[in-house]
Amino acid sequence: MKLYFVYIVQCNDKSYYVGMTSNMEQRLNEHNSGKYPDAYTFSRRPVELKWIEQFTDPDIAMDWEKKLKGWSRKKKEALILNDWDRLIRLSKNYTQFGKPK
């Protein structure tokens, strides 16, 4: 069974990059070696893996990657820290619940 990984790396400038791959070790090496000069992470090396989840269905993995790319920095950090209470607060509708603290 083939596995697909959705991951978050932290770049040298403290920004986050979200990606998807079927070979995590190879992809992390590609990020850090600068294999793709036009990539977001190229000028922000080295990168450090902060979060990873595996999937057996590539479509579900791709959906998660797209979802995470749209998340705020604070939501990504809550996910990385497994802070589910904070993640739930940050996910609520601002117009209904007000800004999270």
N, C-alpha and C. Protein backbone atom coordinates (compact mmCIF):
# COMPACT_ATOMS: atom_id res chain seq x y z
N MET A 1 0.84 -1.17 0.00
CA MET A 1 0.00 0.00 0.00
C MET A 1 0.89 1.24 0.00
N LYS A 2 0.62 2.13 -0.91
CA LYS A 2 1.40 3.36 -1.02
C LYS A 2 0.89 4.38 -0.01
N LEU A 3 1.82 5.08 0.62
CA LEU A 3 1.47 6.11 1.59
C LEU A 3 1.78 7.49 1.02
N TYR A 4 0.99 8.46 1.44
CA TYR A 4 1.17 9.85 1.06
C TYR A 4 1.26 10.66 2.35
N PHE A 5 2.11 11.64 2.35
CA PHE A 5 2.36 12.43 3.55
C PHE A 5 2.05 13.89 3.29
N VAL A 6 1.35 14.49 4.23
CA VAL A 6 1.16 15.94 4.26
C VAL A 6 2.01 16.41 5.42
N TYR A 7 2.76 17.48 5.19
CA TYR A 7 3.74 17.91 6.19
C TYR A 7 3.84 19.42 6.29
N ILE A 8 4.35 19.85 7.43
CA ILE A 8 4.67 21.26 7.64
C ILE A 8 6.14 21.32 8.03
N VAL A 9 6.89 22.14 7.32
CA VAL A 9 8.27 22.42 7.71
C VAL A 9 8.37 23.87 8.13
N GLN A 10 9.28 24.12 9.06
CA GLN A 10 9.58 25.50 9.44
C GLN A 10 10.86 25.89 8.74
N CYS A 11 10.82 27.01 8.07
CA CYS A 11 11.98 27.50 7.33
C CYS A 11 12.90 28.29 8.24
N ASN A 12 14.09 28.57 7.73
CA ASN A 12 15.09 29.31 8.48
C ASN A 12 14.59 30.70 8.90
N ASP A 13 13.69 31.29 8.13
CA ASP A 13 13.15 32.62 8.46
C ASP A 13 11.91 32.52 9.37
N LYS A 14 11.64 31.32 9.89
CA LYS A 14 10.53 31.02 10.81
C LYS A 14 9.18 30.93 10.12
N SER A 15 9.13 31.05 8.80
CA SER A 15 7.87 30.85 8.09
C SER A 15 7.61 29.35 7.97
N TYR A 16 6.36 29.01 7.64
CA TYR A 16 5.99 27.61 7.49
C TYR A 16 5.69 27.31 6.03
N TYR A 17 6.02 26.10 5.63
CA TYR A 17 5.70 25.61 4.30
C TYR A 17 4.93 24.31 4.45
N VAL A 18 3.82 24.18 3.73
CA VAL A 18 3.00 22.97 3.75
C VAL A 18 3.17 22.27 2.42
N GLY A 19 3.37 20.96 2.47
CA GLY A 19 3.54 20.19 1.24
C GLY A 19 2.97 18.79 1.36
N MET A 20 3.05 18.07 0.24
CA MET A 20 2.59 16.69 0.17
C MET A 20 3.59 15.90 -0.65
N THR A 21 3.83 14.66 -0.24
CA THR A 21 4.78 13.82 -0.95
C THR A 21 4.47 12.35 -0.68
N SER A 22 5.03 11.49 -1.50
CA SER A 22 4.93 10.05 -1.24
C SER A 22 6.25 9.50 -0.69
N ASN A 23 7.26 10.37 -0.60
CA ASN A 23 8.56 9.95 -0.04
C ASN A 23 9.08 11.08 0.84
N MET A 24 8.78 11.02 2.12
CA MET A 24 9.09 12.13 3.03
C MET A 24 10.59 12.37 3.16
N GLU A 25 11.36 11.31 3.32
CA GLU A 25 12.81 11.48 3.48
C GLU A 25 13.43 12.16 2.26
N GLN A 26 13.04 11.70 1.09
CA GLN A 26 13.56 12.30 -0.15
C GLN A 26 13.14 13.76 -0.27
N ARG A 27 11.87 14.03 0.03
CA ARG A 27 11.37 15.40 -0.12
C ARG A 27 12.06 16.36 0.85
N LEU A 28 12.28 15.92 2.07
CA LEU A 28 12.98 16.77 3.04
C LEU A 28 14.41 17.04 2.57
N ASN A 29 15.05 16.02 2.03
CA ASN A 29 16.40 16.22 1.48
C ASN A 29 16.38 17.19 0.31
N GLU A 30 15.36 17.12 -0.53
CA GLU A 30 15.24 18.05 -1.66
C GLU A 30 15.07 19.48 -1.17
N HIS A 31 14.25 19.67 -0.14
CA HIS A 31 14.09 21.01 0.42
C HIS A 31 15.43 21.55 0.91
N ASN A 32 16.15 20.74 1.66
CA ASN A 32 17.39 21.22 2.29
C ASN A 32 18.58 21.29 1.35
N SER A 33 18.56 20.53 0.27
CA SER A 33 19.68 20.59 -0.68
C SER A 33 19.49 21.71 -1.70
N GLY A 34 18.29 22.26 -1.77
CA GLY A 34 18.02 23.32 -2.73
C GLY A 34 17.87 22.78 -4.15
N LYS A 35 17.30 21.61 -4.29
CA LYS A 35 17.16 20.97 -5.60
C LYS A 35 16.36 21.83 -6.58
N TYR A 36 15.38 22.56 -6.07
CA TYR A 36 14.52 23.38 -6.94
C TYR A 36 14.73 24.86 -6.64
N PRO A 37 15.53 25.55 -7.44
CA PRO A 37 15.86 26.97 -7.18
C PRO A 37 14.65 27.90 -7.14
N ASP A 38 13.56 27.54 -7.80
CA ASP A 38 12.37 28.39 -7.82
C ASP A 38 11.41 28.10 -6.67
N ALA A 39 11.74 27.12 -5.83
CA ALA A 39 10.86 26.72 -4.74
C ALA A 39 10.85 27.75 -3.61
N TYR A 40 9.75 27.82 -2.90
CA TYR A 40 9.61 28.75 -1.77
C TYR A 40 10.72 28.55 -0.75
N THR A 41 11.07 27.30 -0.49
CA THR A 41 12.03 27.01 0.58
C THR A 41 13.49 27.22 0.16
N PHE A 42 13.76 27.42 -1.12
CA PHE A 42 15.14 27.50 -1.60
C PHE A 42 15.97 28.53 -0.84
N SER A 43 15.47 29.73 -0.71
CA SER A 43 16.22 30.80 -0.03
C SER A 43 15.95 30.83 1.47
N ARG A 44 15.21 29.86 1.96
CA ARG A 44 14.84 29.83 3.38
C ARG A 44 15.37 28.56 4.08
N ARG A 45 16.41 27.99 3.50
CA ARG A 45 17.02 26.77 4.05
C ARG A 45 17.92 27.10 5.22
N PRO A 46 18.11 26.15 6.13
CA PRO A 46 17.53 24.82 6.14
C PRO A 46 16.09 24.84 6.66
N VAL A 47 15.37 23.78 6.35
CA VAL A 47 14.01 23.61 6.87
C VAL A 47 14.01 22.48 7.88
N GLU A 48 13.04 22.54 8.79
CA GLU A 48 12.92 21.52 9.83
C GLU A 48 11.49 20.98 9.84
N LEU A 49 11.35 19.68 9.78
CA LEU A 49 10.04 19.05 9.81
C LEU A 49 9.39 19.29 11.17
N LYS A 50 8.17 19.84 11.16
CA LYS A 50 7.47 20.15 12.40
C LYS A 50 6.21 19.31 12.60
N TRP A 51 5.59 18.86 11.51
CA TRP A 51 4.35 18.10 11.62
C TRP A 51 4.21 17.21 10.39
N ILE A 52 3.68 16.02 10.59
CA ILE A 52 3.47 15.10 9.46
C ILE A 52 2.27 14.22 9.75
N GLU A 53 1.53 13.91 8.69
CA GLU A 53 0.41 12.97 8.79
C GLU A 53 0.44 12.10 7.54
N GLN A 54 0.13 10.83 7.69
CA GLN A 54 0.15 9.95 6.53
C GLN A 54 -1.26 9.56 6.12
N PHE A 55 -1.41 9.31 4.82
CA PHE A 55 -2.69 8.96 4.22
C PHE A 55 -2.47 7.83 3.22
N THR A 56 -3.50 7.03 3.01
CA THR A 56 -3.43 6.00 1.98
C THR A 56 -4.12 6.44 0.69
N ASP A 57 -4.93 7.46 0.79
CA ASP A 57 -5.66 7.98 -0.37
C ASP A 57 -5.05 9.32 -0.79
N PRO A 58 -4.48 9.40 -1.99
CA PRO A 58 -3.84 10.64 -2.42
C PRO A 58 -4.80 11.83 -2.52
N ASP A 59 -6.06 11.56 -2.82
CA ASP A 59 -7.04 12.65 -2.93
C ASP A 59 -7.31 13.27 -1.56
N ILE A 60 -7.39 12.45 -0.53
CA ILE A 60 -7.61 12.97 0.82
C ILE A 60 -6.37 13.75 1.27
N ALA A 61 -5.19 13.22 0.97
CA ALA A 61 -3.95 13.93 1.31
C ALA A 61 -3.90 15.30 0.62
N MET A 62 -4.27 15.33 -0.63
CA MET A 62 -4.26 16.60 -1.38
C MET A 62 -5.26 17.59 -0.80
N ASP A 63 -6.42 17.09 -0.40
CA ASP A 63 -7.42 17.96 0.23
C ASP A 63 -6.87 18.57 1.52
N TRP A 64 -6.19 17.74 2.33
CA TRP A 64 -5.61 18.24 3.58
C TRP A 64 -4.52 19.26 3.31
N GLU A 65 -3.69 18.99 2.31
CA GLU A 65 -2.63 19.95 1.98
C GLU A 65 -3.24 21.31 1.62
N LYS A 66 -4.25 21.30 0.77
CA LYS A 66 -4.90 22.55 0.37
C LYS A 66 -5.52 23.26 1.57
N LYS A 67 -6.16 22.47 2.45
CA LYS A 67 -6.79 23.04 3.64
C LYS A 67 -5.74 23.72 4.52
N LEU A 68 -4.65 23.01 4.80
CA LEU A 68 -3.61 23.55 5.68
C LEU A 68 -2.94 24.78 5.08
N LYS A 69 -2.78 24.81 3.77
CA LYS A 69 -2.16 25.97 3.13
C LYS A 69 -2.99 27.23 3.36
N GLY A 70 -4.30 27.06 3.55
CA GLY A 70 -5.17 28.20 3.79
C GLY A 70 -5.27 28.62 5.25
N TRP A 71 -4.67 27.85 6.13
CA TRP A 71 -4.74 28.15 7.57
C TRP A 71 -3.80 29.28 7.94
N SER A 72 -4.16 29.97 9.00
CA SER A 72 -3.30 31.03 9.54
C SER A 72 -2.08 30.40 10.21
N ARG A 73 -1.09 31.23 10.44
CA ARG A 73 0.11 30.78 11.15
C ARG A 73 -0.25 30.23 12.53
N LYS A 74 -1.17 30.94 13.22
CA LYS A 74 -1.56 30.51 14.57
C LYS A 74 -2.22 29.14 14.55
N LYS A 75 -3.06 28.87 13.55
CA LYS A 75 -3.70 27.56 13.47
C LYS A 75 -2.67 26.47 13.17
N LYS A 76 -1.71 26.76 12.30
CA LYS A 76 -0.65 25.78 12.01
C LYS A 76 0.16 25.49 13.26
N GLU A 77 0.46 26.51 14.03
CA GLU A 77 1.23 26.31 15.26
C GLU A 77 0.43 25.49 16.27
N ALA A 78 -0.86 25.72 16.37
CA ALA A 78 -1.70 24.93 17.28
C ALA A 78 -1.70 23.47 16.86
N LEU A 79 -1.77 23.21 15.56
CA LEU A 79 -1.70 21.84 15.06
C LEU A 79 -0.36 21.20 15.39
N ILE A 80 0.72 21.91 15.14
CA ILE A 80 2.07 21.41 15.42
C ILE A 80 2.21 21.05 16.89
N LEU A 81 1.62 21.87 17.75
CA LEU A 81 1.74 21.65 19.20
C LEU A 81 0.67 20.71 19.76
N ASN A 82 -0.19 20.19 18.88
CA ASN A 82 -1.32 19.35 19.31
C ASN A 82 -2.18 20.05 20.35
N ASP A 83 -2.33 21.36 20.20
CA ASP A 83 -3.15 22.16 21.10
C ASP A 83 -4.56 22.25 20.52
N TRP A 84 -5.34 21.20 20.78
CA TRP A 84 -6.65 21.08 20.17
C TRP A 84 -7.62 22.15 20.63
N ASP A 85 -7.54 22.55 21.90
CA ASP A 85 -8.43 23.60 22.39
C ASP A 85 -8.19 24.91 21.64
N ARG A 86 -6.93 25.25 21.48
CA ARG A 86 -6.59 26.48 20.75
C ARG A 86 -6.99 26.37 19.28
N LEU A 87 -6.77 25.22 18.70
CA LEU A 87 -7.13 25.02 17.30
C LEU A 87 -8.63 25.20 17.09
N ILE A 88 -9.42 24.68 18.00
CA ILE A 88 -10.87 24.84 17.92
C ILE A 88 -11.25 26.31 18.05
N ARG A 89 -10.65 27.01 19.02
CA ARG A 89 -10.94 28.45 19.19
C ARG A 89 -10.58 29.23 17.94
N LEU A 90 -9.43 28.91 17.33
CA LEU A 90 -8.99 29.63 16.15
C LEU A 90 -9.82 29.30 14.91
N SER A 91 -10.56 28.21 14.98
CA SER A 91 -11.37 27.77 13.84
C SER A 91 -12.78 28.34 13.85
N LYS A 92 -13.17 28.95 14.94
CA LYS A 92 -14.54 29.48 15.04
C LYS A 92 -14.71 30.72 14.17
N ASN A 93 -15.92 30.94 13.78
CA ASN A 93 -16.28 32.07 12.94
C ASN A 93 -16.16 33.37 13.75
N TYR A 94 -15.28 34.29 13.30
CA TYR A 94 -15.04 35.55 14.01
C TYR A 94 -16.31 36.38 14.17
N THR A 95 -17.15 36.39 13.13
CA THR A 95 -18.34 37.23 13.21
C THR A 95 -19.34 36.69 14.23
N GLN A 96 -19.29 35.38 14.47
CA GLN A 96 -20.19 34.78 15.44
C GLN A 96 -19.62 34.77 16.84
N PHE A 97 -18.31 34.54 16.98
CA PHE A 97 -17.71 34.33 18.29
C PHE A 97 -16.72 35.42 18.72
N GLY A 98 -16.38 36.34 17.82
CA GLY A 98 -15.37 37.34 18.14
C GLY A 98 -13.96 36.80 17.92
N LYS A 99 -12.99 37.66 17.94
CA LYS A 99 -11.59 37.25 17.70
C LYS A 99 -11.09 36.37 18.84
N PRO A 100 -10.30 35.32 18.50
CA PRO A 100 -9.75 34.45 19.55
C PRO A 100 -8.67 35.17 20.35
N LYS A 101 -8.53 34.77 21.60
CA LYS A 101 -7.51 35.39 22.46
C LYS A 101 -6.30 34.53 22.53
